Amino acid sequence: MNDDIKSNISKRMNQAIDHCASELSQIRTGRASTTLLENLKVDYYGVPTPLNSLATITAQEARLLVVQPFDKSIIQDIEKSIQLSELGLNPNNDGTLIRIPIPSLTEERRLELVKIINNLIEESRVSIRNIRKDLNNQVKDLKKNSEISENEEIFQLEEIQKNTDDYITKLNEMQKLKEKELLDK
């Protein structure tokens, strides 16, 4: 297989998987996870700054996150950002730490989150299929320009399909794990 195409498959499809994993990690499952607050932005002297660069975030218990700001003067701003986020969390500020209890999810909310997970996974599948389409077009262009033989074209198209199937399988496994995590109470 052409080395450019081979490295392109791994690079682009891994990016799609990594992006999906990042999105899935931000879906609240009723358990405390530091990734829940990782991308939350806090207004720090007029600049939206990621919370994880302004504070230490820890999951001390199964249902409790603790945020310890590096600069105590911004504790109110952090608390406000958490309250205004769409996470549905209610932080408690004691002056030095912010404790965030993670409420358990209702059955209705769990089912909504499963739909969100399914949509994220489907978007990633579409992304991987689009990558496959681009790579297949590259191989066909090589054949059209007589840079590779017909047998090589067939081999490369089969390799691209095999890789696509492997990445789709990874996505399916991620989906099953996240749904299991979400639906197990």
C-alpha atoms as a PDB file:
ATOM      1  CA  MET A   1       0.000   0.000   0.000  1.00  0.00           C
ATOM      2  CA  ASN A   2       1.168   3.523  -0.757  1.00  0.00           C
ATOM      3  CA  ASP A   3       2.849   4.883   2.408  1.00  0.00           C
ATOM      4  CA  ASP A   4       1.121   8.281   2.129  1.00  0.00           C
ATOM      5  CA  ILE A   5      -2.294   6.655   1.972  1.00  0.00           C
ATOM      6  CA  LYS A   6      -1.443   4.224   4.767  1.00  0.00           C
ATOM      7  CA  SER A   7      -0.284   6.974   7.135  1.00  0.00           C
ATOM      8  CA  ASN A   8      -3.254   9.096   6.079  1.00  0.00           C
ATOM      9  CA  ILE A   9      -5.683   6.329   7.074  1.00  0.00           C
ATOM     10  CA  SER A  10      -4.207   5.967  10.566  1.00  0.00           C
ATOM     11  CA  LYS A  11      -3.818   9.675  11.198  1.00  0.00           C
ATOM     12  CA  ARG A  12      -7.235  10.821  10.017  1.00  0.00           C
ATOM     13  CA  MET A  13      -9.252   7.923  11.391  1.00  0.00           C
ATOM     14  CA  ASN A  14      -7.487   8.117  14.771  1.00  0.00           C
ATOM     15  CA  GLN A  15      -8.348  11.811  14.899  1.00  0.00           C
ATOM     16  CA  ALA A  16     -12.017  10.948  14.341  1.00  0.00           C
ATOM     17  CA  ILE A  17     -11.884   8.326  17.116  1.00  0.00           C
ATOM     18  CA  ASP A  18     -10.065  10.696  19.500  1.00  0.00           C
ATOM     19  CA  HIS A  19     -12.575  13.468  18.860  1.00  0.00           C
ATOM     20  CA  CYS A  20     -15.464  11.098  19.521  1.00  0.00           C
ATOM     21  CA  ALA A  21     -13.831   9.821  22.717  1.00  0.00           C
ATOM     22  CA  SER A  22     -13.347  13.400  23.894  1.00  0.00           C
ATOM     23  CA  GLU A  23     -16.998  14.234  23.221  1.00  0.00           C
ATOM     24  CA  LEU A  24     -18.195  11.057  24.949  1.00  0.00           C
ATOM     25  CA  SER A  25     -16.081  11.761  28.026  1.00  0.00           C
ATOM     26  CA  GLN A  26     -17.990  14.984  28.577  1.00  0.00           C
ATOM     27  CA  ILE A  27     -21.357  13.238  28.832  1.00  0.00           C
ATOM     28  CA  ARG A  28     -22.372  13.039  32.466  1.00  0.00           C
ATOM     29  CA  THR A  29     -23.125   9.542  33.687  1.00  0.00           C
ATOM     30  CA  GLY A  30     -24.038  10.223  37.298  1.00  0.00           C
ATOM     31  CA  ARG A  31     -20.489   9.518  38.464  1.00  0.00           C
ATOM     32  CA  ALA A  32     -17.893  12.162  39.222  1.00  0.00           C
ATOM     33  CA  SER A  33     -15.385  12.517  36.410  1.00  0.00           C
ATOM     34  CA  THR A  34     -12.828  15.290  36.014  1.00  0.00           C
ATOM     35  CA  THR A  35     -13.386  15.281  32.248  1.00  0.00           C
ATOM     36  CA  LEU A  36     -16.847  16.689  32.920  1.00  0.00           C
ATOM     37  CA  LEU A  37     -15.315  20.100  33.671  1.00  0.00           C
ATOM     38  CA  GLU A  38     -12.208  19.863  31.514  1.00  0.00           C
ATOM     39  CA  ASN A  39     -13.372  22.115  28.669  1.00  0.00           C
ATOM     40  CA  LEU A  40     -15.425  24.501  30.781  1.00  0.00           C
ATOM     41  CA  LYS A  41     -14.360  28.100  30.112  1.00  0.00           C
ATOM     42  CA  VAL A  42     -13.994  30.657  32.907  1.00  0.00           C
ATOM     43  CA  ASP A  43     -13.782  34.404  32.314  1.00  0.00           C
ATOM     44  CA  TYR A  44     -10.290  35.110  33.668  1.00  0.00           C
ATOM     45  CA  TYR A  45      -9.528  38.843  33.423  1.00  0.00           C
ATOM     46  CA  GLY A  46     -11.688  39.126  30.323  1.00  0.00           C
ATOM     47  CA  VAL A  47     -10.255  36.055  28.591  1.00  0.00           C
ATOM     48  CA  PRO A  48     -12.223  32.775  28.370  1.00  0.00           C
ATOM     49  CA  THR A  49      -9.772  30.269  29.875  1.00  0.00           C
ATOM     50  CA  PRO A  50     -10.178  26.492  30.325  1.00  0.00           C
ATOM     51  CA  LEU A  51     -10.929  25.617  33.938  1.00  0.00           C
ATOM     52  CA  ASN A  52      -8.239  22.925  34.045  1.00  0.00           C
ATOM     53  CA  SER A  53      -5.569  25.606  33.505  1.00  0.00           C
ATOM     54  CA  LEU A  54      -6.925  27.718  36.393  1.00  0.00           C
ATOM     55  CA  ALA A  55      -7.564  25.032  38.994  1.00  0.00           C
ATOM     56  CA  THR A  56      -6.968  21.468  40.078  1.00  0.00           C
ATOM     57  CA  ILE A  57     -10.010  19.278  39.470  1.00  0.00           C
ATOM     58  CA  THR A  58     -10.319  16.023  41.425  1.00  0.00           C
ATOM     59  CA  ALA A  59     -12.984  13.380  41.920  1.00  0.00           C
ATOM     60  CA  GLN A  60     -12.718  12.700  45.644  1.00  0.00           C
ATOM     61  CA  GLU A  61     -15.750  10.439  45.830  1.00  0.00           C
ATOM     62  CA  ALA A  62     -18.005   8.661  43.341  1.00  0.00           C
ATOM     63  CA  ARG A  63     -20.430  11.592  43.347  1.00  0.00           C
ATOM     64  CA  LEU A  64     -18.260  14.584  44.296  1.00  0.00           C
ATOM     65  CA  LEU A  65     -15.917  16.774  42.261  1.00  0.00           C
ATOM     66  CA  VAL A  66     -13.602  19.223  44.000  1.00  0.00           C
ATOM     67  CA  VAL A  67     -12.162  22.280  42.258  1.00  0.00           C
ATOM     68  CA  GLN A  68      -9.216  24.025  43.919  1.00  0.00           C
ATOM     69  CA  PRO A  69      -8.306  27.254  42.111  1.00  0.00           C
ATOM     70  CA  PHE A  70      -4.669  28.288  41.892  1.00  0.00           C
ATOM     71  CA  ASP A  71      -5.773  31.904  42.422  1.00  0.00           C
ATOM     72  CA  LYS A  72      -8.380  32.212  45.202  1.00  0.00           C
ATOM     73  CA  SER A  73      -9.622  35.555  43.837  1.00  0.00           C
ATOM     74  CA  ILE A  74     -11.327  33.837  40.887  1.00  0.00           C
ATOM     75  CA  ILE A  75     -13.315  31.334  42.937  1.00  0.00           C
ATOM     76  CA  GLN A  76     -16.547  33.309  42.339  1.00  0.00           C
ATOM     77  CA  ASP A  77     -15.919  33.369  38.573  1.00  0.00           C
ATOM     78  CA  ILE A  78     -15.350  29.610  38.517  1.00  0.00           C
ATOM     79  CA  GLU A  79     -18.508  28.990  40.534  1.00  0.00           C
ATOM     80  CA  LYS A  80     -20.515  31.241  38.190  1.00  0.00           C
ATOM     81  CA  SER A  81     -19.170  29.444  35.084  1.00  0.00           C
ATOM     82  CA  ILE A  82     -20.147  26.056  36.516  1.00  0.00           C
ATOM     83  CA  GLN A  83     -23.649  27.303  37.355  1.00  0.00           C
ATOM     84  CA  LEU A  84     -24.141  28.828  33.890  1.00  0.00           C
ATOM     85  CA  SER A  85     -22.918  25.716  32.076  1.00  0.00           C
ATOM     86  CA  GLU A  86     -25.439  23.252  30.660  1.00  0.00           C
ATOM     87  CA  LEU A  87     -24.188  20.530  32.993  1.00  0.00           C
ATOM     88  CA  GLY A  88     -26.944  21.058  35.558  1.00  0.00           C
ATOM     89  CA  LEU A  89     -24.499  21.170  38.472  1.00  0.00           C
ATOM     90  CA  ASN A  90     -24.833  23.176  41.684  1.00  0.00           C
ATOM     91  CA  PRO A  91     -21.395  24.073  43.103  1.00  0.00           C
ATOM     92  CA  ASN A  92     -20.777  24.822  46.794  1.00  0.00           C
ATOM     93  CA  ASN A  93     -18.086  27.412  47.507  1.00  0.00           C
ATOM     94  CA  ASP A  94     -16.356  27.456  50.920  1.00  0.00           C
ATOM     95  CA  GLY A  95     -13.877  30.234  50.093  1.00  0.00           C
ATOM     96  CA  THR A  96     -10.938  28.019  49.137  1.00  0.00           C
ATOM     97  CA  LEU A  97     -12.542  25.019  47.403  1.00  0.00           C
ATOM     98  CA  ILE A  98     -15.578  24.421  45.251  1.00  0.00           C
ATOM     99  CA  ARG A  99     -17.362  21.158  45.948  1.00  0.00           C
ATOM    100  CA  ILE A 100     -19.672  19.929  43.226  1.00  0.00           C
ATOM    101  CA  PRO A 101     -22.052  17.114  44.138  1.00  0.00           C
ATOM    102  CA  ILE A 102     -23.015  15.028  41.107  1.00  0.00           C
ATOM    103  CA  PRO A 103     -26.738  14.245  41.302  1.00  0.00           C
ATOM    104  CA  SER A 104     -27.960  10.877  40.128  1.00  0.00           C
ATOM    105  CA  LEU A 105     -29.662  10.838  36.737  1.00  0.00           C
ATOM    106  CA  THR A 106     -33.329  10.159  36.165  1.00  0.00           C
ATOM    107  CA  GLU A 107     -34.294   7.335  33.820  1.00  0.00           C
ATOM    108  CA  GLU A 108     -35.665   9.877  31.340  1.00  0.00           C
ATOM    109  CA  ARG A 109     -32.374  11.807  31.313  1.00  0.00           C
ATOM    110  CA  ARG A 110     -30.406   8.576  30.869  1.00  0.00           C
ATOM    111  CA  LEU A 111     -32.445   7.762  27.750  1.00  0.00           C
ATOM    112  CA  GLU A 112     -31.871  11.282  26.393  1.00  0.00           C
ATOM    113  CA  LEU A 113     -28.135  10.849  26.932  1.00  0.00           C
ATOM    114  CA  VAL A 114     -28.201   7.499  25.115  1.00  0.00           C
ATOM    115  CA  LYS A 115     -29.699   9.312  22.112  1.00  0.00           C
ATOM    116  CA  ILE A 116     -26.922  11.923  22.314  1.00  0.00           C
ATOM    117  CA  ILE A 117     -24.325   9.140  22.456  1.00  0.00           C
ATOM    118  CA  ASN A 118     -25.887   7.449  19.429  1.00  0.00           C
ATOM    119  CA  ASN A 119     -25.785  10.728  17.488  1.00  0.00           C
ATOM    120  CA  LEU A 120     -22.127  11.329  18.386  1.00  0.00           C
ATOM    121  CA  ILE A 121     -21.172   7.819  17.322  1.00  0.00           C
ATOM    122  CA  GLU A 122     -23.114   8.124  14.064  1.00  0.00           C
ATOM    123  CA  GLU A 123     -21.397  11.449  13.283  1.00  0.00           C
ATOM    124  CA  SER A 124     -18.053   9.752  13.827  1.00  0.00           C
ATOM    125  CA  ARG A 125     -19.035   6.840  11.587  1.00  0.00           C
ATOM    126  CA  VAL A 126     -19.968   9.308   8.855  1.00  0.00           C
ATOM    127  CA  SER A 127     -16.640  11.072   9.342  1.00  0.00           C
ATOM    128  CA  ILE A 128     -14.755   7.783   8.974  1.00  0.00           C
ATOM    129  CA  ARG A 129     -16.761   6.875   5.863  1.00  0.00           C
ATOM    130  CA  ASN A 130     -15.934  10.285   4.361  1.00  0.00           C
ATOM    131  CA  ILE A 131     -12.249   9.645   5.047  1.00  0.00           C
ATOM    132  CA  ARG A 132     -12.615   6.268   3.307  1.00  0.00           C
ATOM    133  CA  LYS A 133     -14.254   7.987   0.323  1.00  0.00           C
ATOM    134  CA  ASP A 134     -11.406  10.531   0.067  1.00  0.00           C
ATOM    135  CA  LEU A 135      -8.767   7.810   0.254  1.00  0.00           C
ATOM    136  CA  ASN A 136     -10.579   5.645  -2.302  1.00  0.00           C
ATOM    137  CA  ASN A 137     -10.654   8.644  -4.658  1.00  0.00           C
ATOM    138  CA  GLN A 138      -6.898   9.111  -4.163  1.00  0.00           C
ATOM    139  CA  VAL A 139      -6.282   5.466  -5.084  1.00  0.00           C
ATOM    140  CA  LYS A 140      -8.542   5.708  -8.133  1.00  0.00           C
ATOM    141  CA  ASP A 141      -6.706   8.844  -9.239  1.00  0.00           C
ATOM    142  CA  LEU A 142      -3.398   6.970  -8.940  1.00  0.00           C
ATOM    143  CA  LYS A 143      -4.820   4.206 -11.135  1.00  0.00           C
ATOM    144  CA  LYS A 144      -6.219   6.702 -13.634  1.00  0.00           C
ATOM    145  CA  ASN A 145      -2.793   8.362 -13.896  1.00  0.00           C
ATOM    146  CA  SER A 146      -1.206   4.922 -14.414  1.00  0.00           C
ATOM    147  CA  GLU A 147       0.864   5.247 -11.237  1.00  0.00           C
ATOM    148  CA  ILE A 148      -0.386   1.911  -9.906  1.00  0.00           C
ATOM    149  CA  SER A 149      -1.667  -1.271 -11.520  1.00  0.00           C
ATOM    150  CA  GLU A 150      -5.249  -2.516 -11.431  1.00  0.00           C
ATOM    151  CA  ASN A 151      -4.268  -5.249  -8.953  1.00  0.00           C
ATOM    152  CA  GLU A 152      -2.609  -2.688  -6.701  1.00  0.00           C
ATOM    153  CA  GLU A 153      -5.733  -0.524  -6.889  1.00  0.00           C
ATOM    154  CA  ILE A 154      -7.931  -3.444  -5.813  1.00  0.00           C
ATOM    155  CA  PHE A 155      -5.516  -4.340  -2.996  1.00  0.00           C
ATOM    156  CA  GLN A 156      -5.392  -0.758  -1.698  1.00  0.00           C
ATOM    157  CA  LEU A 157      -9.173  -0.341  -1.849  1.00  0.00           C
ATOM    158  CA  GLU A 158      -9.563  -3.573   0.138  1.00  0.00           C
ATOM    159  CA  GLU A 159      -7.019  -2.373   2.718  1.00  0.00           C
ATOM    160  CA  ILE A 160      -8.836   0.936   3.087  1.00  0.00           C
ATOM    161  CA  GLN A 161     -12.124  -0.923   3.596  1.00  0.00           C
ATOM    162  CA  LYS A 162     -10.530  -3.251   6.144  1.00  0.00           C
ATOM    163  CA  ASN A 163      -9.173  -0.279   8.110  1.00  0.00           C
ATOM    164  CA  THR A 164     -12.546   1.452   7.899  1.00  0.00           C
ATOM    165  CA  ASP A 165     -14.259  -1.641   9.293  1.00  0.00           C
ATOM    166  CA  ASP A 166     -11.736  -1.791  12.159  1.00  0.00           C
ATOM    167  CA  TYR A 167     -12.359   1.836  13.117  1.00  0.00           C
ATOM    168  CA  ILE A 168     -16.140   1.439  12.876  1.00  0.00           C
ATOM    169  CA  THR A 169     -15.799  -1.571  15.220  1.00  0.00           C
ATOM    170  CA  LYS A 170     -13.849   0.617  17.682  1.00  0.00           C
ATOM    171  CA  LEU A 171     -16.652   3.172  17.591  1.00  0.00           C
ATOM    172  CA  ASN A 172     -19.255   0.464  18.199  1.00  0.00           C
ATOM    173  CA  GLU A 173     -17.278  -0.753  21.226  1.00  0.00           C
ATOM    174  CA  MET A 174     -17.015   2.809  22.574  1.00  0.00           C
ATOM    175  CA  GLN A 175     -20.770   3.184  22.157  1.00  0.00           C
ATOM    176  CA  LYS A 176     -21.523  -0.055  24.026  1.00  0.00           C
ATOM    177  CA  LEU A 177     -19.193   0.875  26.892  1.00  0.00           C
ATOM    178  CA  LYS A 178     -20.614   4.368  27.303  1.00  0.00           C
ATOM    179  CA  GLU A 179     -24.214   3.126  27.150  1.00  0.00           C
ATOM    180  CA  LYS A 180     -23.428   0.436  29.719  1.00  0.00           C
ATOM    181  CA  GLU A 181     -21.772   3.016  31.974  1.00  0.00           C
ATOM    182  CA  LEU A 182     -24.771   5.314  31.587  1.00  0.00           C
ATOM    183  CA  LEU A 183     -27.513   2.745  32.073  1.00  0.00           C
ATOM    184  CA  ASP A 184     -25.886   0.874  34.983  1.00  0.00           C
ATOM    185  CA  LYS A 185     -27.152   2.572  38.095  1.00  0.00           C
END
